[in-house]
Amino acid sequence: MLHIVLLVSLVLFFTFMGIVGVIQTKHLLKTDIDEKIRVQIYVTTSIGLCIPVFALFLVIAFSDITFTNIGFTLPSFDQNIVVTMVVMTAAFLFSSYFIFYRIIAFLASAKYRQKRKKTLDEQAKGDDYHDLVISKLMMPRTKREKRWWVCVSLAAGICEEIIFRGAYIFLLASIFPNLSIYIVYALTVILFGLGHIYQGAKGLIISSLVGALFAAIYIVSGSLIIVVVIHFLTDFANAFEYSNNGVGEVHNLD
């Protein structure tokens, strides 16, 4: 019964957050967004992601659920070797894109920074809903925004993986033991995509695809460690995407 109550509670919480996110996003897109508003978004997002994890940890402290159940263990890689190699190769290429194409390119090339600024400025004035959400609301611009964005990246990388990979997979598998594990993973991918519905249909599809990769990494590694690191890097790279004046402000976040 505890597992059912916990699963339903988590799903309802993120459903509520998703609905609120859609409403707030549509409202914010009609307003002028400044540093203060973006920081408020980052703070609210970080807190919103941490709340269910703190609640989950309290449940673990007073129940038979363990941290190992939700992925707090060292990688084991005990799945099929071919599948493992394919998934981890995809994970390496995915991570490399964000590390080299976004972070290193931003730090090394003023031309790249200027090009990205121009692109993001154009997206912020365009009519593509997903691009508007990303460029206008989510993308940090100033040093203060980028400092807070680190908090968002940590909260998303750690908390979303604990819930959407660790908790959901464990709870679904324990509540429905006869359900195919592949269906369980598919359900978690759908839930992860729906959690990003505030980004529109395009954002839902992109998030679902990324969620599928993260789920696959979790499957073959048997641990949250690798997927948390990759998820964090994916989000953190956005701090290197936008430069107000073509200078790499993110060099110094202090």
Protein backbone atom coordinates (compact mmCIF):
# COMPACT_ATOMS: atom_id res chain seq x y z
CA MET A 1 0.00 0.00 0.00
CA LEU A 2 2.84 2.39 0.85
CA HIS A 3 4.33 1.96 -2.62
CA ILE A 4 0.99 2.76 -4.26
CA VAL A 5 0.43 5.86 -2.11
CA LEU A 6 3.97 7.07 -2.79
CA LEU A 7 3.70 6.53 -6.55
CA VAL A 8 0.31 8.24 -6.78
CA SER A 9 1.54 11.13 -4.63
CA LEU A 10 4.59 11.69 -6.84
CA VAL A 11 2.57 11.51 -10.05
CA LEU A 12 -0.05 13.91 -8.70
CA PHE A 13 2.63 16.33 -7.49
CA PHE A 14 4.36 16.49 -10.86
CA THR A 15 1.01 16.63 -12.67
CA PHE A 16 0.10 19.65 -10.56
CA MET A 17 3.52 21.21 -11.17
CA GLY A 18 3.13 20.55 -14.89
CA ILE A 19 -0.25 22.27 -15.06
CA VAL A 20 1.02 25.25 -13.07
CA GLY A 21 4.11 25.34 -15.27
CA VAL A 22 2.04 25.53 -18.46
CA ILE A 23 -0.13 28.34 -17.10
CA GLN A 24 2.80 30.36 -15.73
CA THR A 25 4.89 29.88 -18.88
CA LYS A 26 2.14 31.14 -21.16
CA HIS A 27 1.68 34.16 -18.89
CA LEU A 28 5.40 34.95 -18.67
CA LEU A 29 5.89 34.74 -22.43
CA LYS A 30 3.55 37.71 -22.76
CA THR A 31 5.66 39.87 -20.42
CA ASP A 32 9.09 41.46 -20.50
CA ILE A 33 11.52 39.09 -18.81
CA ASP A 34 14.40 40.55 -16.82
CA GLU A 35 17.06 39.19 -14.49
CA LYS A 36 14.80 39.33 -11.43
CA ILE A 37 12.08 37.27 -13.08
CA ARG A 38 14.51 34.65 -14.41
CA VAL A 39 16.12 34.26 -10.99
CA GLN A 40 12.65 33.83 -9.46
CA ILE A 41 11.96 31.11 -12.04
CA TYR A 42 15.24 29.37 -11.21
CA VAL A 43 14.63 29.53 -7.44
CA THR A 44 11.05 28.25 -7.75
CA THR A 45 12.12 25.45 -10.09
CA SER A 46 14.93 24.33 -7.79
CA ILE A 47 12.68 24.28 -4.73
CA GLY A 48 9.91 22.53 -6.64
CA LEU A 49 12.28 19.74 -7.68
CA CYS A 50 13.74 19.31 -4.20
CA ILE A 51 10.42 19.05 -2.32
CA PRO A 52 9.38 15.58 -3.58
CA VAL A 53 12.91 14.24 -3.07
CA PHE A 54 12.97 15.40 0.55
CA ALA A 55 9.56 13.78 1.02
CA LEU A 56 10.85 10.57 -0.58
CA PHE A 57 13.86 10.52 1.74
CA LEU A 58 11.56 10.87 4.74
CA VAL A 59 9.55 7.89 3.53
CA ILE A 60 12.75 5.88 3.09
CA ALA A 61 13.83 6.75 6.62
CA PHE A 62 10.65 5.25 8.09
CA SER A 63 9.93 2.37 5.71
CA ASP A 64 11.45 -0.76 4.18
CA ILE A 65 12.41 1.13 0.99
CA THR A 66 16.17 1.60 0.75
CA PHE A 67 18.39 4.01 -1.13
CA THR A 68 19.72 1.04 -3.08
CA ASN A 69 16.17 0.41 -4.34
CA ILE A 70 16.11 3.81 -6.02
CA GLY A 71 19.53 3.59 -7.63
CA PHE A 72 22.00 4.72 -4.98
CA THR A 73 24.62 2.11 -5.78
CA LEU A 74 27.80 1.79 -7.77
CA PRO A 75 27.45 1.00 -11.50
CA SER A 76 27.37 -2.74 -12.15
CA PHE A 77 26.99 -3.03 -15.95
CA ASP A 78 25.57 -6.54 -15.69
CA GLN A 79 23.27 -6.28 -18.71
CA ASN A 80 23.93 -7.63 -22.22
CA ILE A 81 27.40 -6.47 -23.27
CA VAL A 82 26.33 -5.38 -26.77
CA VAL A 83 23.38 -3.37 -25.48
CA THR A 84 25.58 -1.85 -22.80
CA MET A 85 28.21 -0.79 -25.33
CA VAL A 86 25.61 0.77 -27.64
CA VAL A 87 23.95 2.70 -24.83
CA MET A 88 27.19 3.90 -23.27
CA THR A 89 28.53 4.96 -26.68
CA ALA A 90 25.38 7.01 -27.18
CA ALA A 91 25.84 8.46 -23.69
CA PHE A 92 29.45 9.39 -24.49
CA LEU A 93 28.51 11.09 -27.77
CA PHE A 94 25.60 12.90 -26.12
CA SER A 95 27.80 14.18 -23.30
CA SER A 96 30.63 15.11 -25.67
CA TYR A 97 28.30 17.33 -27.66
CA PHE A 98 27.47 19.46 -24.64
CA ILE A 99 31.02 19.49 -23.27
CA PHE A 100 32.87 20.30 -26.47
CA TYR A 101 30.35 21.95 -28.79
CA ARG A 102 28.75 24.16 -26.15
CA ILE A 103 31.02 24.64 -23.13
CA ILE A 104 34.49 24.49 -24.69
CA ALA A 105 33.41 26.31 -27.86
CA PHE A 106 31.88 29.08 -25.75
CA LEU A 107 34.99 29.53 -23.66
CA ALA A 108 37.40 29.34 -26.58
CA SER A 109 35.72 31.34 -29.33
CA ALA A 110 34.36 34.90 -29.24
CA LYS A 111 32.93 34.29 -32.71
CA TYR A 112 30.94 31.36 -31.39
CA ARG A 113 29.61 33.43 -28.46
CA GLN A 114 28.48 36.19 -30.80
CA LYS A 115 26.85 33.68 -33.14
CA ARG A 116 24.96 31.99 -30.32
CA LYS A 117 23.83 35.34 -28.91
CA LYS A 118 22.44 36.34 -32.29
CA THR A 119 20.64 33.01 -32.69
CA LEU A 120 19.12 33.12 -29.22
CA ASP A 121 18.07 36.75 -29.61
CA GLU A 122 16.27 35.81 -32.84
CA GLN A 123 14.58 32.84 -31.18
CA ALA A 124 13.40 35.05 -28.32
CA LYS A 125 11.61 37.21 -30.88
CA GLY A 126 10.29 34.39 -33.04
CA ASP A 127 7.02 32.46 -32.97
CA ASP A 128 8.26 28.93 -32.21
CA TYR A 129 6.82 28.19 -28.76
CA HIS A 130 9.59 25.84 -27.65
CA ASP A 131 12.35 28.21 -28.78
CA LEU A 132 10.61 31.08 -26.97
CA VAL A 133 10.46 29.15 -23.71
CA ILE A 134 14.10 28.10 -23.91
CA SER A 135 15.63 31.37 -25.09
CA LYS A 136 13.37 33.84 -23.28
CA LEU A 137 12.63 32.14 -19.96
CA MET A 138 15.22 29.44 -19.33
CA MET A 139 18.49 30.59 -20.86
CA PRO A 140 20.64 32.43 -18.26
CA ARG A 141 22.25 35.65 -19.47
CA THR A 142 23.86 37.57 -16.61
CA LYS A 143 26.38 36.35 -14.05
CA ARG A 144 23.71 36.29 -11.34
CA GLU A 145 21.38 34.25 -13.53
CA LYS A 146 24.17 31.83 -14.36
CA ARG A 147 25.03 31.34 -10.70
CA TRP A 148 21.41 30.45 -9.97
CA TRP A 149 21.31 28.27 -13.08
CA VAL A 150 23.94 26.05 -11.45
CA CYS A 151 21.37 25.39 -8.70
CA VAL A 152 18.73 24.53 -11.29
CA SER A 153 21.14 22.18 -13.06
CA LEU A 154 22.02 20.40 -9.82
CA ALA A 155 18.37 20.15 -8.76
CA ALA A 156 17.32 18.80 -12.16
CA GLY A 157 20.26 16.43 -12.52
CA ILE A 158 19.90 14.95 -9.04
CA CYS A 159 16.20 15.28 -8.18
CA GLU A 160 14.67 14.40 -11.55
CA GLU A 161 16.83 11.29 -11.81
CA ILE A 162 15.97 10.19 -8.28
CA ILE A 163 12.26 10.53 -9.05
CA PHE A 164 11.87 9.67 -12.74
CA ARG A 165 14.46 6.94 -12.96
CA GLY A 166 15.07 5.69 -9.42
CA ALA A 167 11.71 6.00 -7.64
CA TYR A 168 9.31 5.55 -10.55
CA ILE A 169 11.03 2.45 -11.93
CA PHE A 170 11.27 0.83 -8.50
CA LEU A 171 7.69 1.66 -7.51
CA LEU A 172 6.13 0.59 -10.83
CA ALA A 173 8.11 -2.65 -10.85
CA SER A 174 7.14 -3.46 -7.25
CA ILE A 175 3.45 -2.57 -7.66
CA PHE A 176 3.12 -4.37 -11.01
CA PRO A 177 5.57 -7.30 -10.77
CA ASN A 178 4.07 -9.03 -13.81
CA LEU A 179 4.42 -5.96 -16.00
CA SER A 180 7.21 -6.12 -18.56
CA ILE A 181 10.20 -4.11 -17.40
CA TYR A 182 10.31 -2.48 -20.83
CA ILE A 183 6.78 -1.17 -20.32
CA VAL A 184 7.87 0.14 -16.93
CA TYR A 185 10.76 2.02 -18.51
CA ALA A 186 8.47 3.32 -21.27
CA LEU A 187 6.02 4.66 -18.69
CA THR A 188 8.81 6.52 -16.88
CA VAL A 189 9.92 8.05 -20.17
CA ILE A 190 6.37 9.25 -20.85
CA LEU A 191 6.10 10.71 -17.36
CA PHE A 192 9.42 12.47 -17.81
CA GLY A 193 8.28 13.96 -21.12
CA LEU A 194 4.98 15.12 -19.63
CA GLY A 195 6.94 16.80 -16.86
CA HIS A 196 8.31 19.14 -19.53
CA ILE A 197 4.99 19.87 -21.24
CA TYR A 198 5.40 23.55 -20.35
CA GLN A 199 7.89 23.65 -23.24
CA GLY A 200 5.15 22.73 -25.69
CA ALA A 201 4.76 19.67 -27.93
CA LYS A 202 8.28 20.02 -29.31
CA GLY A 203 9.71 20.19 -25.81
CA LEU A 204 7.70 17.13 -24.76
CA ILE A 205 9.13 15.11 -27.67
CA ILE A 206 12.71 16.25 -27.09
CA SER A 207 12.48 15.61 -23.35
CA SER A 208 10.99 12.16 -23.95
CA LEU A 209 13.85 11.23 -26.27
CA VAL A 210 16.43 12.46 -23.77
CA GLY A 211 14.53 10.65 -21.02
CA ALA A 212 14.69 7.44 -23.05
CA LEU A 213 18.48 7.76 -23.25
CA PHE A 214 18.74 8.47 -19.52
CA ALA A 215 16.51 5.47 -18.75
CA ALA A 216 18.69 3.27 -20.96
CA ILE A 217 21.83 4.45 -19.17
CA TYR A 218 20.20 3.65 -15.83
CA ILE A 219 19.16 0.22 -17.09
CA VAL A 220 22.61 -0.86 -18.28
CA SER A 221 24.56 0.73 -15.42
CA GLY A 222 22.18 -0.20 -12.62
CA SER A 223 23.01 3.09 -10.92
CA LEU A 224 21.93 6.72 -10.85
CA ILE A 225 25.51 8.00 -10.68
CA ILE A 226 26.34 8.19 -14.39
CA VAL A 227 22.93 9.46 -15.48
CA VAL A 228 22.91 12.16 -12.77
CA VAL A 229 26.29 13.45 -13.98
CA ILE A 230 25.22 13.47 -17.63
CA HIS A 231 21.89 15.12 -16.82
CA PHE A 232 23.64 17.83 -14.81
CA LEU A 233 26.13 18.52 -17.62
CA THR A 234 23.30 18.70 -20.16
CA ASP A 235 21.54 21.44 -18.21
CA PHE A 236 24.67 23.18 -16.93
CA ALA A 237 25.87 23.65 -20.52
CA ASN A 238 23.09 26.22 -20.97
CA ALA A 239 25.10 28.59 -18.76
CA PHE A 240 27.60 28.75 -21.63
CA GLU A 241 25.08 29.38 -24.37
CA TYR A 242 24.35 33.06 -23.94
CA SER A 243 26.70 36.01 -23.60
CA ASN A 244 25.19 39.51 -23.37
CA ASN A 245 28.22 41.23 -24.80
CA GLY A 246 30.13 38.49 -26.57
CA VAL A 247 32.45 38.04 -23.59
CA GLY A 248 32.53 34.76 -21.67
CA GLU A 249 30.97 36.06 -18.45
CA VAL A 250 30.72 32.50 -17.15
CA HIS A 251 34.52 32.42 -16.74
CA ASN A 252 33.93 33.89 -13.30
CA LEU A 253 30.67 33.07 -11.57
CA ASP A 254 31.69 34.72 -8.28
